[in-house]
All heavy atoms as atom14 arrays in JSON, in Angstrom:
{
  "sequence": "AKKKIKIYEFMLDNDVSINEILDVIIESNNLIGVGIVSLQDQIEEHLK",
  "atom14_mask": [
    [1, 1, 1, 1, 1, 0, 0, 0, 0, 0, 0, 0, 0, 0],
    [1, 1, 1, 1, 1, 1, 1, 1, 1, 0, 0, 0, 0, 0],
    [1, 1, 1, 1, 1, 1, 1, 1, 1, 0, 0, 0, 0, 0],
    [1, 1, 1, 1, 1, 1, 1, 1, 1, 0, 0, 0, 0, 0],
    [1, 1, 1, 1, 1, 1, 1, 1, 0, 0, 0, 0, 0, 0],
    [1, 1, 1, 1, 1, 1, 1, 1, 1, 0, 0, 0, 0, 0],
    [1, 1, 1, 1, 1, 1, 1, 1, 0, 0, 0, 0, 0, 0],
    [1, 1, 1, 1, 1, 1, 1, 1, 1, 1, 1, 1, 0, 0],
    [1, 1, 1, 1, 1, 1, 1, 1, 1, 0, 0, 0, 0, 0],
    [1, 1, 1, 1, 1, 1, 1, 1, 1, 1, 1, 0, 0, 0],
    [1, 1, 1, 1, 1, 1, 1, 1, 0, 0, 0, 0, 0, 0],
    [1, 1, 1, 1, 1, 1, 1, 1, 0, 0, 0, 0, 0, 0],
    [1, 1, 1, 1, 1, 1, 1, 1, 0, 0, 0, 0, 0, 0],
    [1, 1, 1, 1, 1, 1, 1, 1, 0, 0, 0, 0, 0, 0],
    [1, 1, 1, 1, 1, 1, 1, 1, 0, 0, 0, 0, 0, 0],
    [1, 1, 1, 1, 1, 1, 1, 0, 0, 0, 0, 0, 0, 0],
    [1, 1, 1, 1, 1, 1, 0, 0, 0, 0, 0, 0, 0, 0],
    [1, 1, 1, 1, 1, 1, 1, 1, 0, 0, 0, 0, 0, 0],
    [1, 1, 1, 1, 1, 1, 1, 1, 0, 0, 0, 0, 0, 0],
    [1, 1, 1, 1, 1, 1, 1, 1, 1, 0, 0, 0, 0, 0],
    [1, 1, 1, 1, 1, 1, 1, 1, 0, 0, 0, 0, 0, 0],
    [1, 1, 1, 1, 1, 1, 1, 1, 0, 0, 0, 0, 0, 0],
    [1, 1, 1, 1, 1, 1, 1, 1, 0, 0, 0, 0, 0, 0],
    [1, 1, 1, 1, 1, 1, 1, 0, 0, 0, 0, 0, 0, 0],
    [1, 1, 1, 1, 1, 1, 1, 1, 0, 0, 0, 0, 0, 0],
    [1, 1, 1, 1, 1, 1, 1, 1, 0, 0, 0, 0, 0, 0],
    [1, 1, 1, 1, 1, 1, 1, 1, 1, 0, 0, 0, 0, 0],
    [1, 1, 1, 1, 1, 1, 0, 0, 0, 0, 0, 0, 0, 0],
    [1, 1, 1, 1, 1, 1, 1, 1, 0, 0, 0, 0, 0, 0],
    [1, 1, 1, 1, 1, 1, 1, 1, 0, 0, 0, 0, 0, 0],
    [1, 1, 1, 1, 1, 1, 1, 1, 0, 0, 0, 0, 0, 0],
    [1, 1, 1, 1, 1, 1, 1, 1, 0, 0, 0, 0, 0, 0],
    [1, 1, 1, 1, 0, 0, 0, 0, 0, 0, 0, 0, 0, 0],
    [1, 1, 1, 1, 1, 1, 1, 0, 0, 0, 0, 0, 0, 0],
    [1, 1, 1, 1, 0, 0, 0, 0, 0, 0, 0, 0, 0, 0],
    [1, 1, 1, 1, 1, 1, 1, 1, 0, 0, 0, 0, 0, 0],
    [1, 1, 1, 1, 1, 1, 1, 0, 0, 0, 0, 0, 0, 0],
    [1, 1, 1, 1, 1, 1, 0, 0, 0, 0, 0, 0, 0, 0],
    [1, 1, 1, 1, 1, 1, 1, 1, 0, 0, 0, 0, 0, 0],
    [1, 1, 1, 1, 1, 1, 1, 1, 1, 0, 0, 0, 0, 0],
    [1, 1, 1, 1, 1, 1, 1, 1, 0, 0, 0, 0, 0, 0],
    [1, 1, 1, 1, 1, 1, 1, 1, 1, 0, 0, 0, 0, 0],
    [1, 1, 1, 1, 1, 1, 1, 1, 0, 0, 0, 0, 0, 0],
    [1, 1, 1, 1, 1, 1, 1, 1, 1, 0, 0, 0, 0, 0],
    [1, 1, 1, 1, 1, 1, 1, 1, 1, 0, 0, 0, 0, 0],
    [1, 1, 1, 1, 1, 1, 1, 1, 1, 1, 0, 0, 0, 0],
    [1, 1, 1, 1, 1, 1, 1, 1, 0, 0, 0, 0, 0, 0],
    [1, 1, 1, 1, 1, 1, 1, 1, 1, 0, 0, 0, 0, 0]
  ],
  "atom14_positions": [
    [[208.92, 69.26, 15.95], [207.89, 68.69, 15.08], [208.53, 67.77, 14.04], [207.99, 66.69, 13.75], [207.15, 69.81, 14.38], [0.0, 0.0, 0.0], [0.0, 0.0, 0.0], [0.0, 0.0, 0.0], [0.0, 0.0, 0.0], [0.0, 0.0, 0.0], [0.0, 0.0, 0.0], [0.0, 0.0, 0.0], [0.0, 0.0, 0.0], [0.0, 0.0, 0.0]],
    [[209.69, 68.14, 13.51], [210.38, 67.28, 12.54], [210.77, 65.95, 13.16], [210.67, 64.9, 12.54], [211.63, 67.97, 12.0], [211.33, 69.1, 11.03], [212.61, 69.73, 10.54], [212.37, 70.89, 9.6], [213.63, 71.54, 9.17], [0.0, 0.0, 0.0], [0.0, 0.0, 0.0], [0.0, 0.0, 0.0], [0.0, 0.0, 0.0], [0.0, 0.0, 0.0]],
    [[211.23, 66.0, 14.42], [211.6, 64.75, 15.13], [210.38, 63.86, 15.29], [210.46, 62.65, 15.06], [212.17, 65.06, 16.49], [213.58, 65.62, 16.47], [214.06, 65.88, 17.89], [215.44, 66.53, 17.89], [215.86, 66.8, 19.29], [0.0, 0.0, 0.0], [0.0, 0.0, 0.0], [0.0, 0.0, 0.0], [0.0, 0.0, 0.0], [0.0, 0.0, 0.0]],
    [[209.26, 64.44, 15.67], [208.04, 63.66, 15.84], [207.59, 63.01, 14.55], [207.16, 61.87, 14.55], [206.95, 64.54, 16.44], [207.18, 64.92, 17.87], [206.08, 65.82, 18.39], [206.37, 66.23, 19.81], [205.31, 67.13, 20.33], [0.0, 0.0, 0.0], [0.0, 0.0, 0.0], [0.0, 0.0, 0.0], [0.0, 0.0, 0.0], [0.0, 0.0, 0.0]],
    [[207.71, 63.75, 13.47], [207.33, 63.22, 12.14], [208.24, 62.03, 11.79], [207.75, 60.98, 11.31], [207.37, 64.3, 11.08], [206.26, 65.31, 11.3], [207.34, 63.71, 9.67], [206.38, 66.58, 10.45], [0.0, 0.0, 0.0], [0.0, 0.0, 0.0], [0.0, 0.0, 0.0], [0.0, 0.0, 0.0], [0.0, 0.0, 0.0], [0.0, 0.0, 0.0]],
    [[209.54, 62.17, 12.04], [210.46, 61.06, 11.71], [210.12, 59.82, 12.54], [210.13, 58.71, 12.03], [211.92, 61.48, 12.03], [212.49, 62.41, 11.01], [213.93, 62.76, 11.37], [214.53, 63.76, 10.4], [215.89, 64.12, 10.76], [0.0, 0.0, 0.0], [0.0, 0.0, 0.0], [0.0, 0.0, 0.0], [0.0, 0.0, 0.0], [0.0, 0.0, 0.0]],
    [[209.85, 60.01, 13.82], [209.46, 58.88, 14.67], [208.18, 58.23, 14.19], [208.08, 56.99, 14.08], [209.34, 59.33, 16.15], [210.7, 59.75, 16.69], [208.74, 58.23, 17.01], [210.65, 60.48, 18.02], [0.0, 0.0, 0.0], [0.0, 0.0, 0.0], [0.0, 0.0, 0.0], [0.0, 0.0, 0.0], [0.0, 0.0, 0.0], [0.0, 0.0, 0.0]],
    [[207.19, 59.04, 13.86], [205.89, 58.55, 13.4], [206.09, 57.78, 12.08], [205.56, 56.67, 11.92], [204.92, 59.71, 13.22], [203.56, 59.28, 12.77], [202.74, 58.55, 13.63], [203.08, 59.56, 11.5], [201.48, 58.13, 13.23], [201.82, 59.16, 11.1], [201.03, 58.44, 11.95], [199.79, 58.03, 11.56], [0.0, 0.0, 0.0], [0.0, 0.0, 0.0]],
    [[206.86, 58.33, 11.15], [207.11, 57.65, 9.87], [207.85, 56.36, 10.1], [207.54, 55.35, 9.46], [207.92, 58.58, 8.96], [207.11, 59.72, 8.39], [207.94, 60.72, 7.61], [209.2, 60.72, 7.69], [207.35, 61.51, 6.86], [0.0, 0.0, 0.0], [0.0, 0.0, 0.0], [0.0, 0.0, 0.0], [0.0, 0.0, 0.0], [0.0, 0.0, 0.0]],
    [[208.8, 56.33, 11.02], [209.52, 55.1, 11.32], [208.55, 54.02, 11.83], [208.59, 52.87, 11.42], [210.62, 55.33, 12.34], [211.27, 54.07, 12.81], [212.27, 53.48, 12.04], [210.87, 53.46, 13.97], [212.88, 52.28, 12.47], [211.47, 52.25, 14.41], [212.45, 51.67, 13.64], [0.0, 0.0, 0.0], [0.0, 0.0, 0.0], [0.0, 0.0, 0.0]],
    [[207.66, 54.43, 12.74], [206.72, 53.48, 13.31], [205.8, 52.94, 12.22], [205.52, 51.73, 12.18], [205.89, 54.19, 14.42], [206.67, 54.45, 15.66], [205.71, 55.29, 16.93], [204.55, 54.01, 17.39], [0.0, 0.0, 0.0], [0.0, 0.0, 0.0], [0.0, 0.0, 0.0], [0.0, 0.0, 0.0], [0.0, 0.0, 0.0], [0.0, 0.0, 0.0]],
    [[205.3, 53.81, 11.33], [204.45, 53.36, 10.27], [205.17, 52.47, 9.25], [204.67, 51.41, 8.9], [203.83, 54.56, 9.51], [202.76, 55.35, 10.25], [202.33, 56.52, 9.39], [201.56, 54.48, 10.58], [0.0, 0.0, 0.0], [0.0, 0.0, 0.0], [0.0, 0.0, 0.0], [0.0, 0.0, 0.0], [0.0, 0.0, 0.0], [0.0, 0.0, 0.0]],
    [[206.34, 52.92, 8.83], [207.08, 52.17, 7.81], [207.54, 50.8, 8.3], [207.7, 49.89, 7.49], [208.32, 52.97, 7.35], [207.97, 54.26, 6.59], [206.81, 54.38, 6.18], [208.88, 55.1, 6.42], [0.0, 0.0, 0.0], [0.0, 0.0, 0.0], [0.0, 0.0, 0.0], [0.0, 0.0, 0.0], [0.0, 0.0, 0.0], [0.0, 0.0, 0.0]],
    [[207.75, 50.67, 9.59], [208.29, 49.43, 10.15], [207.28, 48.65, 10.97], [207.65, 47.69, 11.63], [209.56, 49.73, 10.94], [210.64, 50.31, 10.1], [211.28, 49.56, 9.34], [210.84, 51.6, 10.16], [0.0, 0.0, 0.0], [0.0, 0.0, 0.0], [0.0, 0.0, 0.0], [0.0, 0.0, 0.0], [0.0, 0.0, 0.0], [0.0, 0.0, 0.0]],
    [[206.03, 49.11, 10.97], [204.98, 48.46, 11.74], [205.4, 48.22, 13.18], [205.34, 47.09, 13.68], [204.57, 47.16, 11.05], [203.26, 46.62, 11.59], [202.41, 47.43, 12.04], [203.08, 45.38, 11.58], [0.0, 0.0, 0.0], [0.0, 0.0, 0.0], [0.0, 0.0, 0.0], [0.0, 0.0, 0.0], [0.0, 0.0, 0.0], [0.0, 0.0, 0.0]],
    [[205.87, 49.28, 13.83], [206.36, 49.24, 15.18], [205.28, 49.78, 16.13], [204.72, 50.83, 15.9], [207.66, 50.06, 15.33], [208.12, 50.1, 16.77], [208.75, 49.5, 14.44], [0.0, 0.0, 0.0], [0.0, 0.0, 0.0], [0.0, 0.0, 0.0], [0.0, 0.0, 0.0], [0.0, 0.0, 0.0], [0.0, 0.0, 0.0], [0.0, 0.0, 0.0]],
    [[205.05, 49.04, 17.23], [204.03, 49.47, 18.21], [204.72, 50.21, 19.35], [205.92, 50.12, 19.55], [203.27, 48.27, 18.74], [204.12, 47.51, 19.62], [0.0, 0.0, 0.0], [0.0, 0.0, 0.0], [0.0, 0.0, 0.0], [0.0, 0.0, 0.0], [0.0, 0.0, 0.0], [0.0, 0.0, 0.0], [0.0, 0.0, 0.0], [0.0, 0.0, 0.0]],
    [[203.91, 50.89, 20.13], [204.42, 51.59, 21.3], [204.97, 50.6, 22.31], [205.97, 50.89, 23.0], [203.3, 52.48, 21.95], [203.89, 53.38, 23.05], [202.16, 51.64, 22.52], [204.81, 54.42, 22.58], [0.0, 0.0, 0.0], [0.0, 0.0, 0.0], [0.0, 0.0, 0.0], [0.0, 0.0, 0.0], [0.0, 0.0, 0.0], [0.0, 0.0, 0.0]],
    [[204.38, 49.39, 22.39], [204.92, 48.4, 23.3], [206.31, 47.93, 22.89], [207.19, 47.76, 23.76], [203.98, 47.16, 23.33], [202.67, 47.45, 24.01], [202.59, 48.38, 24.81], [201.65, 46.72, 23.68], [0.0, 0.0, 0.0], [0.0, 0.0, 0.0], [0.0, 0.0, 0.0], [0.0, 0.0, 0.0], [0.0, 0.0, 0.0], [0.0, 0.0, 0.0]],
    [[206.55, 47.83, 21.62], [207.88, 47.46, 21.14], [208.88, 48.55, 21.43], [210.06, 48.31, 21.8], [207.88, 47.13, 19.64], [207.07, 45.85, 19.35], [206.75, 45.68, 17.88], [206.36, 46.66, 17.23], [206.91, 44.54, 17.4], [0.0, 0.0, 0.0], [0.0, 0.0, 0.0], [0.0, 0.0, 0.0], [0.0, 0.0, 0.0], [0.0, 0.0, 0.0]],
    [[208.47, 49.8, 21.29], [209.32, 50.94, 21.62], [209.68, 50.94, 23.09], [210.82, 51.11, 23.5], [208.69, 52.27, 21.18], [208.66, 52.33, 19.66], [209.45, 53.45, 21.78], [207.91, 53.51, 19.1], [0.0, 0.0, 0.0], [0.0, 0.0, 0.0], [0.0, 0.0, 0.0], [0.0, 0.0, 0.0], [0.0, 0.0, 0.0], [0.0, 0.0, 0.0]],
    [[208.68, 50.72, 23.92], [208.93, 50.65, 25.38], [209.87, 49.5, 25.74], [210.77, 49.66, 26.56], [207.61, 50.5, 26.14], [206.75, 51.76, 26.17], [205.39, 51.44, 26.76], [207.44, 52.87, 26.93], [0.0, 0.0, 0.0], [0.0, 0.0, 0.0], [0.0, 0.0, 0.0], [0.0, 0.0, 0.0], [0.0, 0.0, 0.0], [0.0, 0.0, 0.0]],
    [[209.7, 48.35, 25.06], [210.61, 47.23, 25.31], [212.05, 47.59, 24.99], [212.98, 47.29, 25.73], [210.18, 46.0, 24.49], [208.92, 45.34, 25.03], [208.6, 45.58, 26.21], [208.3, 44.57, 24.29], [0.0, 0.0, 0.0], [0.0, 0.0, 0.0], [0.0, 0.0, 0.0], [0.0, 0.0, 0.0], [0.0, 0.0, 0.0], [0.0, 0.0, 0.0]],
    [[212.24, 48.3, 23.86], [213.59, 48.73, 23.49], [214.17, 49.71, 24.5], [215.32, 49.6, 24.88], [213.59, 49.33, 22.06], [214.92, 50.01, 21.75], [213.27, 48.28, 21.02], [0.0, 0.0, 0.0], [0.0, 0.0, 0.0], [0.0, 0.0, 0.0], [0.0, 0.0, 0.0], [0.0, 0.0, 0.0], [0.0, 0.0, 0.0], [0.0, 0.0, 0.0]],
    [[213.35, 50.63, 24.95], [213.78, 51.6, 25.95], [214.22, 50.88, 27.22], [215.29, 51.14, 27.8], [212.68, 52.65, 26.26], [212.47, 53.54, 25.05], [213.05, 53.45, 27.5], [211.24, 54.43, 25.13], [0.0, 0.0, 0.0], [0.0, 0.0, 0.0], [0.0, 0.0, 0.0], [0.0, 0.0, 0.0], [0.0, 0.0, 0.0], [0.0, 0.0, 0.0]],
    [[213.39, 49.95, 27.67], [213.68, 49.2, 28.92], [214.95, 48.37, 28.75], [215.85, 48.42, 29.59], [212.47, 48.34, 29.31], [211.32, 49.24, 29.76], [212.86, 47.34, 30.41], [209.95, 48.52, 29.86], [0.0, 0.0, 0.0], [0.0, 0.0, 0.0], [0.0, 0.0, 0.0], [0.0, 0.0, 0.0], [0.0, 0.0, 0.0], [0.0, 0.0, 0.0]],
    [[215.01, 47.62, 27.64], [216.15, 46.72, 27.46], [217.44, 47.48, 27.18], [218.52, 47.1, 27.68], [215.86, 45.72, 26.33], [214.76, 44.76, 26.72], [214.23, 43.94, 25.56], [214.82, 43.98, 24.46], [213.2, 43.28, 25.74], [0.0, 0.0, 0.0], [0.0, 0.0, 0.0], [0.0, 0.0, 0.0], [0.0, 0.0, 0.0], [0.0, 0.0, 0.0]],
    [[217.38, 48.52, 26.37], [218.63, 49.21, 26.02], [219.18, 50.03, 27.17], [220.38, 50.36, 27.2], [218.39, 50.14, 24.81], [217.51, 51.18, 25.1], [0.0, 0.0, 0.0], [0.0, 0.0, 0.0], [0.0, 0.0, 0.0], [0.0, 0.0, 0.0], [0.0, 0.0, 0.0], [0.0, 0.0, 0.0], [0.0, 0.0, 0.0], [0.0, 0.0, 0.0]],
    [[218.36, 50.34, 28.14], [218.81, 51.09, 29.31], [218.97, 50.19, 30.52], [219.21, 50.66, 31.64], [217.81, 52.22, 29.62], [217.91, 53.33, 28.6], [218.86, 54.07, 28.55], [216.9, 53.4, 27.75], [0.0, 0.0, 0.0], [0.0, 0.0, 0.0], [0.0, 0.0, 0.0], [0.0, 0.0, 0.0], [0.0, 0.0, 0.0], [0.0, 0.0, 0.0]],
    [[218.79, 48.88, 30.31], [218.9, 47.89, 31.41], [218.05, 48.29, 32.61], [218.5, 48.19, 33.76], [220.37, 47.72, 31.82], [221.21, 47.14, 30.73], [220.8, 46.21, 30.06], [222.41, 47.72, 30.52], [0.0, 0.0, 0.0], [0.0, 0.0, 0.0], [0.0, 0.0, 0.0], [0.0, 0.0, 0.0], [0.0, 0.0, 0.0], [0.0, 0.0, 0.0]],
    [[216.85, 48.71, 32.33], [215.96, 49.12, 33.44], [215.36, 47.9, 34.12], [214.84, 46.99, 33.47], [214.81, 50.01, 32.9], [215.23, 51.34, 32.26], [213.99, 52.09, 31.78], [216.03, 52.18, 33.22], [0.0, 0.0, 0.0], [0.0, 0.0, 0.0], [0.0, 0.0, 0.0], [0.0, 0.0, 0.0], [0.0, 0.0, 0.0], [0.0, 0.0, 0.0]],
    [[215.49, 47.9, 35.42], [214.83, 46.88, 36.25], [214.36, 47.57, 37.51], [214.88, 48.62, 37.9], [215.79, 45.72, 36.61], [217.05, 46.24, 37.3], [216.16, 44.89, 35.39], [217.92, 45.13, 37.87], [0.0, 0.0, 0.0], [0.0, 0.0, 0.0], [0.0, 0.0, 0.0], [0.0, 0.0, 0.0], [0.0, 0.0, 0.0], [0.0, 0.0, 0.0]],
    [[213.37, 46.99, 38.17], [212.88, 47.51, 39.45], [212.59, 48.99, 39.44], [211.66, 49.46, 38.77], [0.0, 0.0, 0.0], [0.0, 0.0, 0.0], [0.0, 0.0, 0.0], [0.0, 0.0, 0.0], [0.0, 0.0, 0.0], [0.0, 0.0, 0.0], [0.0, 0.0, 0.0], [0.0, 0.0, 0.0], [0.0, 0.0, 0.0], [0.0, 0.0, 0.0]],
    [[213.41, 49.73, 40.19], [213.19, 51.16, 40.37], [213.24, 51.92, 39.03], [212.51, 52.85, 38.82], [214.22, 51.76, 41.36], [214.11, 53.26, 41.47], [214.08, 51.13, 42.73], [0.0, 0.0, 0.0], [0.0, 0.0, 0.0], [0.0, 0.0, 0.0], [0.0, 0.0, 0.0], [0.0, 0.0, 0.0], [0.0, 0.0, 0.0], [0.0, 0.0, 0.0]],
    [[214.11, 51.46, 38.12], [214.22, 52.09, 36.81], [212.92, 52.02, 36.05], [212.49, 52.98, 35.39], [0.0, 0.0, 0.0], [0.0, 0.0, 0.0], [0.0, 0.0, 0.0], [0.0, 0.0, 0.0], [0.0, 0.0, 0.0], [0.0, 0.0, 0.0], [0.0, 0.0, 0.0], [0.0, 0.0, 0.0], [0.0, 0.0, 0.0], [0.0, 0.0, 0.0]],
    [[212.23, 50.87, 36.1], [210.98, 50.7, 35.42], [209.89, 51.55, 36.09], [209.06, 52.2, 35.41], [210.58, 49.23, 35.34], [211.55, 48.49, 34.42], [209.12, 49.07, 34.82], [211.35, 46.99, 34.36], [0.0, 0.0, 0.0], [0.0, 0.0, 0.0], [0.0, 0.0, 0.0], [0.0, 0.0, 0.0], [0.0, 0.0, 0.0], [0.0, 0.0, 0.0]],
    [[209.93, 51.59, 37.42], [208.96, 52.43, 38.16], [209.16, 53.89, 37.77], [208.2, 54.63, 37.56], [209.07, 52.21, 39.68], [208.23, 53.22, 40.43], [208.67, 50.81, 40.06], [0.0, 0.0, 0.0], [0.0, 0.0, 0.0], [0.0, 0.0, 0.0], [0.0, 0.0, 0.0], [0.0, 0.0, 0.0], [0.0, 0.0, 0.0], [0.0, 0.0, 0.0]],
    [[210.41, 54.34, 37.66], [210.72, 55.69, 37.3], [210.19, 55.99, 35.88], [209.62, 57.07, 35.62], [212.22, 55.96, 37.37], [212.53, 57.24, 36.95], [0.0, 0.0, 0.0], [0.0, 0.0, 0.0], [0.0, 0.0, 0.0], [0.0, 0.0, 0.0], [0.0, 0.0, 0.0], [0.0, 0.0, 0.0], [0.0, 0.0, 0.0], [0.0, 0.0, 0.0]],
    [[210.41, 55.06, 34.97], [209.89, 55.21, 33.61], [208.36, 55.31, 33.63], [207.78, 56.17, 32.97], [210.32, 54.03, 32.72], [209.78, 54.02, 31.29], [210.25, 55.22, 30.51], [210.21, 52.72, 30.61], [0.0, 0.0, 0.0], [0.0, 0.0, 0.0], [0.0, 0.0, 0.0], [0.0, 0.0, 0.0], [0.0, 0.0, 0.0], [0.0, 0.0, 0.0]],
    [[207.71, 54.49, 34.42], [206.27, 54.57, 34.56], [205.8, 55.89, 35.05], [204.86, 56.48, 34.54], [205.77, 53.42, 35.51], [204.3, 53.46, 35.75], [203.84, 52.43, 36.76], [204.67, 51.67, 37.32], [202.54, 52.39, 37.04], [0.0, 0.0, 0.0], [0.0, 0.0, 0.0], [0.0, 0.0, 0.0], [0.0, 0.0, 0.0], [0.0, 0.0, 0.0]],
    [[206.48, 56.42, 36.07], [206.13, 57.74, 36.6], [206.28, 58.84, 35.55], [205.44, 59.71, 35.44], [207.03, 58.07, 37.81], [206.76, 57.19, 39.03], [205.68, 56.51, 39.07], [207.58, 57.15, 39.95], [0.0, 0.0, 0.0], [0.0, 0.0, 0.0], [0.0, 0.0, 0.0], [0.0, 0.0, 0.0], [0.0, 0.0, 0.0], [0.0, 0.0, 0.0]],
    [[207.38, 58.73, 34.77], [207.58, 59.73, 33.71], [206.49, 59.68, 32.63], [206.02, 60.69, 32.16], [208.94, 59.53, 33.07], [210.13, 59.87, 34.01], [211.46, 59.56, 33.37], [211.61, 59.65, 32.16], [212.41, 59.14, 34.19], [0.0, 0.0, 0.0], [0.0, 0.0, 0.0], [0.0, 0.0, 0.0], [0.0, 0.0, 0.0], [0.0, 0.0, 0.0]],
    [[206.12, 58.44, 32.31], [205.06, 58.28, 31.27], [203.75, 58.8, 31.82], [203.03, 59.54, 31.12], [204.95, 56.8, 30.87], [206.2, 56.37, 30.06], [203.68, 56.56, 30.05], [206.3, 54.88, 29.8], [0.0, 0.0, 0.0], [0.0, 0.0, 0.0], [0.0, 0.0, 0.0], [0.0, 0.0, 0.0], [0.0, 0.0, 0.0], [0.0, 0.0, 0.0]],
    [[203.42, 58.47, 33.04], [202.16, 58.93, 33.64], [202.13, 60.45, 33.72], [201.12, 61.09, 33.39], [201.98, 58.34, 35.05], [201.61, 56.89, 35.04], [201.52, 56.29, 36.42], [201.78, 56.99, 37.43], [201.2, 55.08, 36.52], [0.0, 0.0, 0.0], [0.0, 0.0, 0.0], [0.0, 0.0, 0.0], [0.0, 0.0, 0.0], [0.0, 0.0, 0.0]],
    [[203.24, 61.07, 34.12], [203.29, 62.53, 34.2], [203.11, 63.16, 32.83], [202.39, 64.15, 32.69], [204.62, 62.97, 34.84], [204.7, 64.43, 35.17], [203.67, 64.85, 36.23], [203.33, 64.06, 37.09], [203.21, 66.02, 36.12], [0.0, 0.0, 0.0], [0.0, 0.0, 0.0], [0.0, 0.0, 0.0], [0.0, 0.0, 0.0], [0.0, 0.0, 0.0]],
    [[203.74, 62.6, 31.82], [203.61, 63.13, 30.48], [202.17, 62.99, 29.98], [201.63, 63.91, 29.36], [204.59, 62.43, 29.53], [204.52, 62.94, 28.13], [205.07, 64.16, 27.77], [203.96, 62.42, 27.0], [204.83, 64.37, 26.48], [204.17, 63.32, 26.01], [0.0, 0.0, 0.0], [0.0, 0.0, 0.0], [0.0, 0.0, 0.0], [0.0, 0.0, 0.0]],
    [[201.56, 61.86, 30.25], [200.19, 61.61, 29.78], [199.19, 62.56, 30.46], [198.19, 62.92, 29.82], [199.81, 60.16, 30.02], [200.5, 59.14, 29.1], [200.08, 57.73, 29.5], [200.23, 59.41, 27.65], [0.0, 0.0, 0.0], [0.0, 0.0, 0.0], [0.0, 0.0, 0.0], [0.0, 0.0, 0.0], [0.0, 0.0, 0.0], [0.0, 0.0, 0.0]],
    [[199.43, 62.93, 31.68], [198.53, 63.84, 32.39], [198.32, 65.13, 31.59], [197.25, 65.64, 31.51], [199.07, 64.19, 33.78], [198.89, 63.13, 34.77], [199.48, 63.56, 36.13], [199.48, 62.46, 37.14], [200.1, 62.86, 38.42], [0.0, 0.0, 0.0], [0.0, 0.0, 0.0], [0.0, 0.0, 0.0], [0.0, 0.0, 0.0], [0.0, 0.0, 0.0]]
  ]
}
């Protein structure tokens, strides 16, 4: 819960969107092709 609060506060304090966070995840992990598909699958599974 503390981690989630820190992330939420960071997003609010820095006006960061979920799209920007996803861009950072993709770029910092050099995800392309299958990597992006895998990320999509993980996101979909979590959202379910």
